[in-house]
Amino acid sequence: MTKLRKIPQRMCVGCREMKGKRELLRVVRTPEGLIDFDPTGKKAGRGAYICPQVVCLNSAIKGKRLQKALEHDIPPEIIDILREKLPDAASSMTADEV
């Protein structure tokens, strides 16, 4: 009999749904206080997770949930990096969005 491995679950700060850790994008606040995108999910520091969807990213930014989760202001460069990582970003972005 094979043993099933437990899949780590994390909550998206945008939609607040629990999903598998590998399905989500991670933003980390390092011990030095820097905010960075973490593609590996293994950097040291406080992390916040977001679904790879524009709707989740926009609601996390608009409601300042990403900022609250990391207890630090989010630089615009990190938001731009997250937008680039979203598969549906090009099709649903408008110039008026935050």
PDB file of N, CA and C in Angstrom:
ATOM      1  N   MET A   1       0.842  -1.182   0.000  1.00  0.00           N
ATOM      2  CA  MET A   1       0.000   0.000   0.000  1.00  0.00           C
ATOM      3  C   MET A   1       0.888   1.247   0.000  1.00  0.00           C
ATOM      4  N   THR A   2       0.595   2.177  -0.914  1.00  0.00           N
ATOM      5  CA  THR A   2       1.390   3.402  -1.003  1.00  0.00           C
ATOM      6  C   THR A   2       0.833   4.451  -0.046  1.00  0.00           C
ATOM      7  N   LYS A   3       1.736   5.212   0.475  1.00  0.00           N
ATOM      8  CA  LYS A   3       1.368   6.256   1.423  1.00  0.00           C
ATOM      9  C   LYS A   3       1.137   7.562   0.665  1.00  0.00           C
ATOM     10  N   LEU A   4       0.004   8.201   0.860  1.00  0.00           N
ATOM     11  CA  LEU A   4      -0.288   9.473   0.209  1.00  0.00           C
ATOM     12  C   LEU A   4       0.402  10.604   0.954  1.00  0.00           C
ATOM     13  N   ARG A   5       1.023  11.482   0.186  1.00  0.00           N
ATOM     14  CA  ARG A   5       1.680  12.643   0.789  1.00  0.00           C
ATOM     15  C   ARG A   5       0.678  13.769   0.951  1.00  0.00           C
ATOM     16  N   LYS A   6       0.810  14.471   2.027  1.00  0.00           N
ATOM     17  CA  LYS A   6      -0.055  15.614   2.282  1.00  0.00           C
ATOM     18  C   LYS A   6       0.398  16.783   1.412  1.00  0.00           C
ATOM     19  N   ILE A   7      -0.547  17.407   0.726  1.00  0.00           N
ATOM     20  CA  ILE A   7      -0.252  18.560  -0.123  1.00  0.00           C
ATOM     21  C   ILE A   7      -0.416  19.825   0.714  1.00  0.00           C
ATOM     22  N   PRO A   8       0.656  20.639   0.834  1.00  0.00           N
ATOM     23  CA  PRO A   8       0.544  21.865   1.632  1.00  0.00           C
ATOM     24  C   PRO A   8      -0.485  22.824   1.033  1.00  0.00           C
ATOM     25  N   GLN A   9      -1.334  23.360   1.877  1.00  0.00           N
ATOM     26  CA  GLN A   9      -2.379  24.287   1.459  1.00  0.00           C
ATOM     27  C   GLN A   9      -2.049  25.689   1.956  1.00  0.00           C
ATOM     28  N   ARG A  10      -2.326  26.679   1.118  1.00  0.00           N
ATOM     29  CA  ARG A  10      -2.139  28.084   1.486  1.00  0.00           C
ATOM     30  C   ARG A  10      -3.354  28.870   1.030  1.00  0.00           C
ATOM     31  N   MET A  11      -3.593  30.008   1.689  1.00  0.00           N
ATOM     32  CA  MET A  11      -4.742  30.840   1.345  1.00  0.00           C
ATOM     33  C   MET A  11      -4.304  32.005   0.463  1.00  0.00           C
ATOM     34  N   CYS A  12      -5.044  32.205  -0.613  1.00  0.00           N
ATOM     35  CA  CYS A  12      -4.812  33.336  -1.502  1.00  0.00           C
ATOM     36  C   CYS A  12      -5.283  34.605  -0.789  1.00  0.00           C
ATOM     37  N   VAL A  13      -4.456  35.650  -0.790  1.00  0.00           N
ATOM     38  CA  VAL A  13      -4.852  36.901  -0.138  1.00  0.00           C
ATOM     39  C   VAL A  13      -5.873  37.673  -0.966  1.00  0.00           C
ATOM     40  N   GLY A  14      -6.055  37.297  -2.222  1.00  0.00           N
ATOM     41  CA  GLY A  14      -7.031  37.967  -3.086  1.00  0.00           C
ATOM     42  C   GLY A  14      -8.427  37.411  -2.911  1.00  0.00           C
ATOM     43  N   CYS A  15      -8.597  36.111  -3.195  1.00  0.00           N
ATOM     44  CA  CYS A  15      -9.928  35.489  -3.142  1.00  0.00           C
ATOM     45  C   CYS A  15     -10.184  34.764  -1.825  1.00  0.00           C
ATOM     46  N   ARG A  16      -9.141  34.590  -1.010  1.00  0.00           N
ATOM     47  CA  ARG A  16      -9.210  33.928   0.291  1.00  0.00           C
ATOM     48  C   ARG A  16      -9.660  32.469   0.199  1.00  0.00           C
ATOM     49  N   GLU A  17      -9.283  31.803  -0.873  1.00  0.00           N
ATOM     50  CA  GLU A  17      -9.562  30.376  -1.036  1.00  0.00           C
ATOM     51  C   GLU A  17      -8.302  29.594  -0.724  1.00  0.00           C
ATOM     52  N   MET A  18      -8.477  28.426  -0.100  1.00  0.00           N
ATOM     53  CA  MET A  18      -7.357  27.538   0.167  1.00  0.00           C
ATOM     54  C   MET A  18      -7.041  26.750  -1.099  1.00  0.00           C
ATOM     55  N   LYS A  19      -5.760  26.748  -1.480  1.00  0.00           N
ATOM     56  CA  LYS A  19      -5.315  26.028  -2.675  1.00  0.00           C
ATOM     57  C   LYS A  19      -3.961  25.412  -2.387  1.00  0.00           C
ATOM     58  N   GLY A  20      -3.547  24.508  -3.262  1.00  0.00           N
ATOM     59  CA  GLY A  20      -2.225  23.906  -3.131  1.00  0.00           C
ATOM     60  C   GLY A  20      -1.135  24.957  -3.252  1.00  0.00           C
ATOM     61  N   LYS A  21      -0.106  24.822  -2.432  1.00  0.00           N
ATOM     62  CA  LYS A  21       0.975  25.803  -2.388  1.00  0.00           C
ATOM     63  C   LYS A  21       1.615  26.014  -3.758  1.00  0.00           C
ATOM     64  N   ARG A  22       1.765  24.962  -4.538  1.00  0.00           N
ATOM     65  CA  ARG A  22       2.431  25.057  -5.841  1.00  0.00           C
ATOM     66  C   ARG A  22       1.574  25.747  -6.898  1.00  0.00           C
ATOM     67  N   GLU A  23       0.272  25.881  -6.656  1.00  0.00           N
ATOM     68  CA  GLU A  23      -0.620  26.554  -7.605  1.00  0.00           C
ATOM     69  C   GLU A  23      -0.547  28.069  -7.479  1.00  0.00           C
ATOM     70  N   LEU A  24       0.005  28.562  -6.381  1.00  0.00           N
ATOM     71  CA  LEU A  24      -0.032  29.987  -6.064  1.00  0.00           C
ATOM     72  C   LEU A  24       1.312  30.670  -6.294  1.00  0.00           C
ATOM     73  N   LEU A  25       1.275  31.988  -6.454  1.00  0.00           N
ATOM     74  CA  LEU A  25       2.479  32.813  -6.553  1.00  0.00           C
ATOM     75  C   LEU A  25       2.812  33.320  -5.160  1.00  0.00           C
ATOM     76  N   ARG A  26       4.101  33.360  -4.803  1.00  0.00           N
ATOM     77  CA  ARG A  26       4.503  33.785  -3.462  1.00  0.00           C
ATOM     78  C   ARG A  26       5.289  35.086  -3.530  1.00  0.00           C
ATOM     79  N   VAL A  27       4.921  35.986  -2.622  1.00  0.00           N
ATOM     80  CA  VAL A  27       5.668  37.226  -2.411  1.00  0.00           C
ATOM     81  C   VAL A  27       6.208  37.134  -0.991  1.00  0.00           C
ATOM     82  N   VAL A  28       7.460  37.480  -0.800  1.00  0.00           N
ATOM     83  CA  VAL A  28       8.089  37.311   0.509  1.00  0.00           C
ATOM     84  C   VAL A  28       8.683  38.623   1.004  1.00  0.00           C
ATOM     85  N   ARG A  29       8.586  38.819   2.320  1.00  0.00           N
ATOM     86  CA  ARG A  29       9.310  39.910   2.986  1.00  0.00           C
ATOM     87  C   ARG A  29      10.485  39.250   3.692  1.00  0.00           C
ATOM     88  N   THR A  30      11.680  39.542   3.229  1.00  0.00           N
ATOM     89  CA  THR A  30      12.881  38.909   3.771  1.00  0.00           C
ATOM     90  C   THR A  30      13.167  39.431   5.179  1.00  0.00           C
ATOM     91  N   PRO A  31      14.011  38.726   5.928  1.00  0.00           N
ATOM     92  CA  PRO A  31      14.379  39.219   7.269  1.00  0.00           C
ATOM     93  C   PRO A  31      15.020  40.607   7.252  1.00  0.00           C
ATOM     94  N   GLU A  32      15.599  40.998   6.095  1.00  0.00           N
ATOM     95  CA  GLU A  32      16.185  42.334   5.969  1.00  0.00           C
ATOM     96  C   GLU A  32      15.132  43.399   5.697  1.00  0.00           C
ATOM     97  N   GLY A  33      13.886  42.987   5.432  1.00  0.00           N
ATOM     98  CA  GLY A  33      12.803  43.927   5.187  1.00  0.00           C
ATOM     99  C   GLY A  33      12.534  44.207   3.721  1.00  0.00           C
ATOM    100  N   LEU A  34      13.181  43.478   2.816  1.00  0.00           N
ATOM    101  CA  LEU A  34      12.964  43.671   1.387  1.00  0.00           C
ATOM    102  C   LEU A  34      11.778  42.833   0.919  1.00  0.00           C
ATOM    103  N   ILE A  35      10.994  43.378  -0.002  1.00  0.00           N
ATOM    104  CA  ILE A  35       9.872  42.649  -0.593  1.00  0.00           C
ATOM    105  C   ILE A  35      10.338  42.108  -1.936  1.00  0.00           C
ATOM    106  N   ASP A  36      10.084  40.807  -2.179  1.00  0.00           N
ATOM    107  CA  ASP A  36      10.570  40.182  -3.400  1.00  0.00           C
ATOM    108  C   ASP A  36       9.599  39.101  -3.855  1.00  0.00           C
ATOM    109  N   PHE A  37       9.586  38.845  -5.170  1.00  0.00           N
ATOM    110  CA  PHE A  37       8.823  37.728  -5.725  1.00  0.00           C
ATOM    111  C   PHE A  37       9.640  36.461  -5.493  1.00  0.00           C
ATOM    112  N   ASP A  38       8.987  35.385  -5.073  1.00  0.00           N
ATOM    113  CA  ASP A  38       9.678  34.136  -4.745  1.00  0.00           C
ATOM    114  C   ASP A  38       9.171  33.008  -5.637  1.00  0.00           C
ATOM    115  N   PRO A  39       9.810  32.783  -6.788  1.00  0.00           N
ATOM    116  CA  PRO A  39       9.337  31.730  -7.691  1.00  0.00           C
ATOM    117  C   PRO A  39       9.543  30.322  -7.134  1.00  0.00           C
ATOM    118  N   THR A  40      10.520  30.130  -6.244  1.00  0.00           N
ATOM    119  CA  THR A  40      10.792  28.798  -5.707  1.00  0.00           C
ATOM    120  C   THR A  40       9.907  28.469  -4.516  1.00  0.00           C
ATOM    121  N   GLY A  41       9.439  29.493  -3.807  1.00  0.00           N
ATOM    122  CA  GLY A  41       8.630  29.269  -2.608  1.00  0.00           C
ATOM    123  C   GLY A  41       9.464  28.869  -1.405  1.00  0.00           C
ATOM    124  N   LYS A  42      10.773  29.076  -1.477  1.00  0.00           N
ATOM    125  CA  LYS A  42      11.654  28.617  -0.398  1.00  0.00           C
ATOM    126  C   LYS A  42      12.487  29.717   0.251  1.00  0.00           C
ATOM    127  N   LYS A  43      12.316  30.963  -0.188  1.00  0.00           N
ATOM    128  CA  LYS A  43      13.095  32.043   0.419  1.00  0.00           C
ATOM    129  C   LYS A  43      12.673  32.227   1.868  1.00  0.00           C
ATOM    130  N   ALA A  44      13.637  32.621   2.688  1.00  0.00           N
ATOM    131  CA  ALA A  44      13.363  32.861   4.101  1.00  0.00           C
ATOM    132  C   ALA A  44      12.577  34.154   4.262  1.00  0.00           C
ATOM    133  N   GLY A  45      11.636  34.156   5.162  1.00  0.00           N
ATOM    134  CA  GLY A  45      10.870  35.356   5.457  1.00  0.00           C
ATOM    135  C   GLY A  45       9.383  35.106   5.487  1.00  0.00           C
ATOM    136  N   ARG A  46       8.638  36.158   5.701  1.00  0.00           N
ATOM    137  CA  ARG A  46       7.180  36.090   5.775  1.00  0.00           C
ATOM    138  C   ARG A  46       6.618  36.103   4.357  1.00  0.00           C
ATOM    139  N   GLY A  47       5.791  35.128   4.044  1.00  0.00           N
ATOM    140  CA  GLY A  47       5.260  35.011   2.700  1.00  0.00           C
ATOM    141  C   GLY A  47       3.776  35.282   2.615  1.00  0.00           C
ATOM    142  N   ALA A  48       3.346  35.689   1.439  1.00  0.00           N
ATOM    143  CA  ALA A  48       1.932  35.871   1.116  1.00  0.00           C
ATOM    144  C   ALA A  48       1.714  35.226  -0.250  1.00  0.00           C
ATOM    145  N   TYR A  49       0.572  34.588  -0.413  1.00  0.00           N
ATOM    146  CA  TYR A  49       0.292  33.828  -1.624  1.00  0.00           C
ATOM    147  C   TYR A  49      -0.871  34.430  -2.393  1.00  0.00           C
ATOM    148  N   ILE A  50      -0.769  34.383  -3.736  1.00  0.00           N
ATOM    149  CA  ILE A  50      -1.801  34.924  -4.616  1.00  0.00           C
ATOM    150  C   ILE A  50      -2.048  33.942  -5.745  1.00  0.00           C
ATOM    151  N   CYS A  51      -3.332  33.760  -6.083  1.00  0.00           N
ATOM    152  CA  CYS A  51      -3.695  32.936  -7.241  1.00  0.00           C
ATOM    153  C   CYS A  51      -3.151  33.601  -8.504  1.00  0.00           C
ATOM    154  N   PRO A  52      -2.806  32.819  -9.509  1.00  0.00           N
ATOM    155  CA  PRO A  52      -2.317  33.425 -10.760  1.00  0.00           C
ATOM    156  C   PRO A  52      -3.468  33.933 -11.627  1.00  0.00           C
ATOM    157  N   GLN A  53      -4.268  34.842 -11.072  1.00  0.00           N
ATOM    158  CA  GLN A  53      -5.400  35.436 -11.784  1.00  0.00           C
ATOM    159  C   GLN A  53      -5.405  36.934 -11.527  1.00  0.00           C
ATOM    160  N   VAL A  54      -5.758  37.694 -12.546  1.00  0.00           N
ATOM    161  CA  VAL A  54      -5.784  39.155 -12.439  1.00  0.00           C
ATOM    162  C   VAL A  54      -6.784  39.607 -11.368  1.00  0.00           C
ATOM    163  N   VAL A  55      -7.916  38.944 -11.306  1.00  0.00           N
ATOM    164  CA  VAL A  55      -8.961  39.325 -10.341  1.00  0.00           C
ATOM    165  C   VAL A  55      -8.429  39.240  -8.913  1.00  0.00           C
ATOM    166  N   CYS A  56      -7.720  38.156  -8.599  1.00  0.00           N
ATOM    167  CA  CYS A  56      -7.170  37.987  -7.254  1.00  0.00           C
ATOM    168  C   CYS A  56      -6.108  39.037  -6.945  1.00  0.00           C
ATOM    169  N   LEU A  57      -5.226  39.294  -7.899  1.00  0.00           N
ATOM    170  CA  LEU A  57      -4.186  40.293  -7.687  1.00  0.00           C
ATOM    171  C   LEU A  57      -4.796  41.674  -7.484  1.00  0.00           C
ATOM    172  N   ASN A  58      -5.763  42.042  -8.314  1.00  0.00           N
ATOM    173  CA  ASN A  58      -6.402  43.351  -8.183  1.00  0.00           C
ATOM    174  C   ASN A  58      -7.119  43.503  -6.851  1.00  0.00           C
ATOM    175  N   SER A  59      -7.831  42.471  -6.401  1.00  0.00           N
ATOM    176  CA  SER A  59      -8.542  42.584  -5.122  1.00  0.00           C
ATOM    177  C   SER A  59      -7.560  42.613  -3.954  1.00  0.00           C
ATOM    178  N   ALA A  60      -6.434  41.905  -4.064  1.00  0.00           N
ATOM    179  CA  ALA A  60      -5.421  41.936  -3.005  1.00  0.00           C
ATOM    180  C   ALA A  60      -4.771  43.313  -2.908  1.00  0.00           C
ATOM    181  N   ILE A  61      -4.563  43.959  -4.056  1.00  0.00           N
ATOM    182  CA  ILE A  61      -3.957  45.296  -4.056  1.00  0.00           C
ATOM    183  C   ILE A  61      -4.970  46.339  -3.597  1.00  0.00           C
ATOM    184  N   LYS A  62      -6.175  46.252  -4.136  1.00  0.00           N
ATOM    185  CA  LYS A  62      -7.211  47.238  -3.814  1.00  0.00           C
ATOM    186  C   LYS A  62      -7.593  47.204  -2.336  1.00  0.00           C
ATOM    187  N   GLY A  63      -7.715  46.006  -1.782  1.00  0.00           N
ATOM    188  CA  GLY A  63      -8.065  45.870  -0.374  1.00  0.00           C
ATOM    189  C   GLY A  63      -6.867  45.943   0.554  1.00  0.00           C
ATOM    190  N   LYS A  64      -5.674  46.193  -0.008  1.00  0.00           N
ATOM    191  CA  LYS A  64      -4.418  46.265   0.736  1.00  0.00           C
ATOM    192  C   LYS A  64      -4.156  44.995   1.548  1.00  0.00           C
ATOM    193  N   ARG A  65      -4.670  43.858   1.065  1.00  0.00           N
ATOM    194  CA  ARG A  65      -4.480  42.595   1.768  1.00  0.00           C
ATOM    195  C   ARG A  65      -3.059  42.076   1.641  1.00  0.00           C
ATOM    196  N   LEU A  66      -2.450  42.304   0.494  1.00  0.00           N
ATOM    197  CA  LEU A  66      -1.057  41.888   0.306  1.00  0.00           C
ATOM    198  C   LEU A  66      -0.150  42.689   1.236  1.00  0.00           C
ATOM    199  N   GLN A  67      -0.416  43.965   1.325  1.00  0.00           N
ATOM    200  CA  GLN A  67       0.337  44.862   2.207  1.00  0.00           C
ATOM    201  C   GLN A  67       0.178  44.438   3.669  1.00  0.00           C
ATOM    202  N   LYS A  68      -1.041  44.109   4.076  1.00  0.00           N
ATOM    203  CA  LYS A  68      -1.300  43.697   5.455  1.00  0.00           C
ATOM    204  C   LYS A  68      -0.665  42.349   5.767  1.00  0.00           C
ATOM    205  N   ALA A  69      -0.701  41.422   4.806  1.00  0.00           N
ATOM    206  CA  ALA A  69      -0.137  40.095   5.029  1.00  0.00           C
ATOM    207  C   ALA A  69       1.375  40.148   5.244  1.00  0.00           C
ATOM    208  N   LEU A  70       2.042  41.048   4.534  1.00  0.00           N
ATOM    209  CA  LEU A  70       3.496  41.167   4.653  1.00  0.00           C
ATOM    210  C   LEU A  70       3.917  42.220   5.672  1.00  0.00           C
ATOM    211  N   GLU A  71       2.947  42.956   6.198  1.00  0.00           N
ATOM    212  CA  GLU A  71       3.198  44.007   7.186  1.00  0.00           C
ATOM    213  C   GLU A  71       4.232  45.019   6.669  1.00  0.00           C
ATOM    214  N   HIS A  72       4.097  45.366   5.383  1.00  0.00           N
ATOM    215  CA  HIS A  72       5.050  46.285   4.749  1.00  0.00           C
ATOM    216  C   HIS A  72       4.422  46.802   3.456  1.00  0.00           C
ATOM    217  N   ASP A  73       4.831  47.998   3.016  1.00  0.00           N
ATOM    218  CA  ASP A  73       4.354  48.527   1.734  1.00  0.00           C
ATOM    219  C   ASP A  73       4.927  47.698   0.588  1.00  0.00           C
ATOM    220  N   ILE A  74       4.131  47.523  -0.466  1.00  0.00           N
ATOM    221  CA  ILE A  74       4.545  46.730  -1.612  1.00  0.00           C
ATOM    222  C   ILE A  74       5.052  47.679  -2.706  1.00  0.00           C
ATOM    223  N   PRO A  75       6.314  47.508  -3.144  1.00  0.00           N
ATOM    224  CA  PRO A  75       6.836  48.369  -4.204  1.00  0.00           C
ATOM    225  C   PRO A  75       6.142  48.095  -5.544  1.00  0.00           C
ATOM    226  N   PRO A  76       5.964  49.117  -6.374  1.00  0.00           N
ATOM    227  CA  PRO A  76       5.310  48.933  -7.678  1.00  0.00           C
ATOM    228  C   PRO A  76       6.021  47.919  -8.571  1.00  0.00           C
ATOM    229  N   GLU A  77       7.350  47.767  -8.405  1.00  0.00           N
ATOM    230  CA  GLU A  77       8.088  46.804  -9.227  1.00  0.00           C
ATOM    231  C   GLU A  77       7.610  45.374  -8.970  1.00  0.00           C
ATOM    232  N   ILE A  78       7.298  45.064  -7.728  1.00  0.00           N
ATOM    233  CA  ILE A  78       6.829  43.717  -7.367  1.00  0.00           C
ATOM    234  C   ILE A  78       5.452  43.479  -7.964  1.00  0.00           C
ATOM    235  N   ILE A  79       4.601  44.480  -7.939  1.00  0.00           N
ATOM    236  CA  ILE A  79       3.267  44.351  -8.534  1.00  0.00           C
ATOM    237  C   ILE A  79       3.398  44.128 -10.037  1.00  0.00           C
ATOM    238  N   ASP A  80       4.338  44.833 -10.678  1.00  0.00           N
ATOM    239  CA  ASP A  80       4.572  44.639 -12.111  1.00  0.00           C
ATOM    240  C   ASP A  80       5.060  43.221 -12.404  1.00  0.00           C
ATOM    241  N   ILE A  81       5.952  42.693 -11.576  1.00  0.00           N
ATOM    242  CA  ILE A  81       6.451  41.326 -11.754  1.00  0.00           C
ATOM    243  C   ILE A  81       5.301  40.330 -11.620  1.00  0.00           C
ATOM    244  N   LEU A  82       4.446  40.538 -10.626  1.00  0.00           N
ATOM    245  CA  LEU A  82       3.294  39.642 -10.438  1.00  0.00           C
ATOM    246  C   LEU A  82       2.355  39.694 -11.637  1.00  0.00           C
ATOM    247  N   ARG A  83       2.120  40.886 -12.161  1.00  0.00           N
ATOM    248  CA  ARG A  83       1.248  41.018 -13.345  1.00  0.00           C
ATOM    249  C   ARG A  83       1.827  40.266 -14.545  1.00  0.00           C
ATOM    250  N   GLU A  84       3.150  40.299 -14.696  1.00  0.00           N
ATOM    251  CA  GLU A  84       3.794  39.579 -15.802  1.00  0.00           C
ATOM    252  C   GLU A  84       3.641  38.066 -15.659  1.00  0.00           C
ATOM    253  N   LYS A  85       3.578  37.572 -14.428  1.00  0.00           N
ATOM    254  CA  LYS A  85       3.490  36.133 -14.176  1.00  0.00           C
ATOM    255  C   LYS A  85       2.084  35.581 -14.382  1.00  0.00           C
ATOM    256  N   LEU A  86       1.099  36.464 -14.503  1.00  0.00           N
ATOM    257  CA  LEU A  86      -0.280  36.021 -14.655  1.00  0.00           C
ATOM    258  C   LEU A  86      -0.551  35.595 -16.085  1.00  0.00           C
ATOM    259  N   PRO A  87      -1.090  34.383 -16.286  1.00  0.00           N
ATOM    260  CA  PRO A  87      -1.343  33.916 -17.652  1.00  0.00           C
ATOM    261  C   PRO A  87      -2.430  34.697 -18.384  1.00  0.00           C
ATOM    262  N   ASP A  88      -3.419  35.225 -17.675  1.00  0.00           N
ATOM    263  CA  ASP A  88      -4.517  35.944 -18.318  1.00  0.00           C
ATOM    264  C   ASP A  88      -4.372  37.457 -18.200  1.00  0.00           C
ATOM    265  N   ALA A  89      -3.176  37.942 -17.876  1.00  0.00           N
ATOM    266  CA  ALA A  89      -2.964  39.373 -17.662  1.00  0.00           C
ATOM    267  C   ALA A  89      -3.151  40.188 -18.932  1.00  0.00           C
ATOM    268  N   ALA A  90      -2.642  39.720 -20.032  1.00  0.00           N
ATOM    269  CA  ALA A  90      -2.699  40.487 -21.274  1.00  0.00           C
ATOM    270  C   ALA A  90      -4.115  40.630 -21.803  1.00  0.00           C
ATOM    271  N   SER A  91      -4.944  39.626 -21.613  1.00  0.00           N
ATOM    272  CA  SER A  91      -6.290  39.650 -22.174  1.00  0.00           C
ATOM    273  C   SER A  91      -7.272  40.483 -21.365  1.00  0.00           C
ATOM    274  N   SER A  92      -7.018  40.657 -20.061  1.00  0.00           N
ATOM    275  CA  SER A  92      -8.015  41.343 -19.236  1.00  0.00           C
ATOM    276  C   SER A  92      -7.531  42.645 -18.608  1.00  0.00           C
ATOM    277  N   MET A  93      -6.344  43.118 -18.935  1.00  0.00           N
ATOM    278  CA  MET A  93      -5.840  44.359 -18.363  1.00  0.00           C
ATOM    279  C   MET A  93      -6.382  45.566 -19.105  1.00  0.00           C
ATOM    280  N   THR A  94      -6.697  46.600 -18.342  1.00  0.00           N
ATOM    281  CA  THR A  94      -7.086  47.868 -18.934  1.00  0.00           C
ATOM    282  C   THR A  94      -6.189  48.948 -18.356  1.00  0.00           C
ATOM    283  N   ALA A  95      -6.140  50.089 -18.974  1.00  0.00           N
ATOM    284  CA  ALA A  95      -5.276  51.173 -18.520  1.00  0.00           C
ATOM    285  C   ALA A  95      -5.774  51.772 -17.210  1.00  0.00           C
ATOM    286  N   ASP A  96      -7.061  51.600 -16.878  1.00  0.00           N
ATOM    287  CA  ASP A  96      -7.616  52.184 -15.668  1.00  0.00           C
ATOM    288  C   ASP A  96      -7.376  51.357 -14.417  1.00  0.00           C
ATOM    289  N   GLU A  97      -6.933  50.118 -14.563  1.00  0.00           N
ATOM    290  CA  GLU A  97      -6.766  49.256 -13.398  1.00  0.00           C
ATOM    291  C   GLU A  97      -5.575  49.671 -12.575  1.00  0.00           C
ATOM    292  N   VAL A  98      -5.634  49.374 -11.280  1.00  0.00           N
ATOM    293  CA  VAL A  98      -4.579  49.718 -10.338  1.00  0.00           C
ATOM    294  C   VAL A  98      -3.359  48.904 -10.588  1.00  0.00           C
TER     295      VAL A  98
END
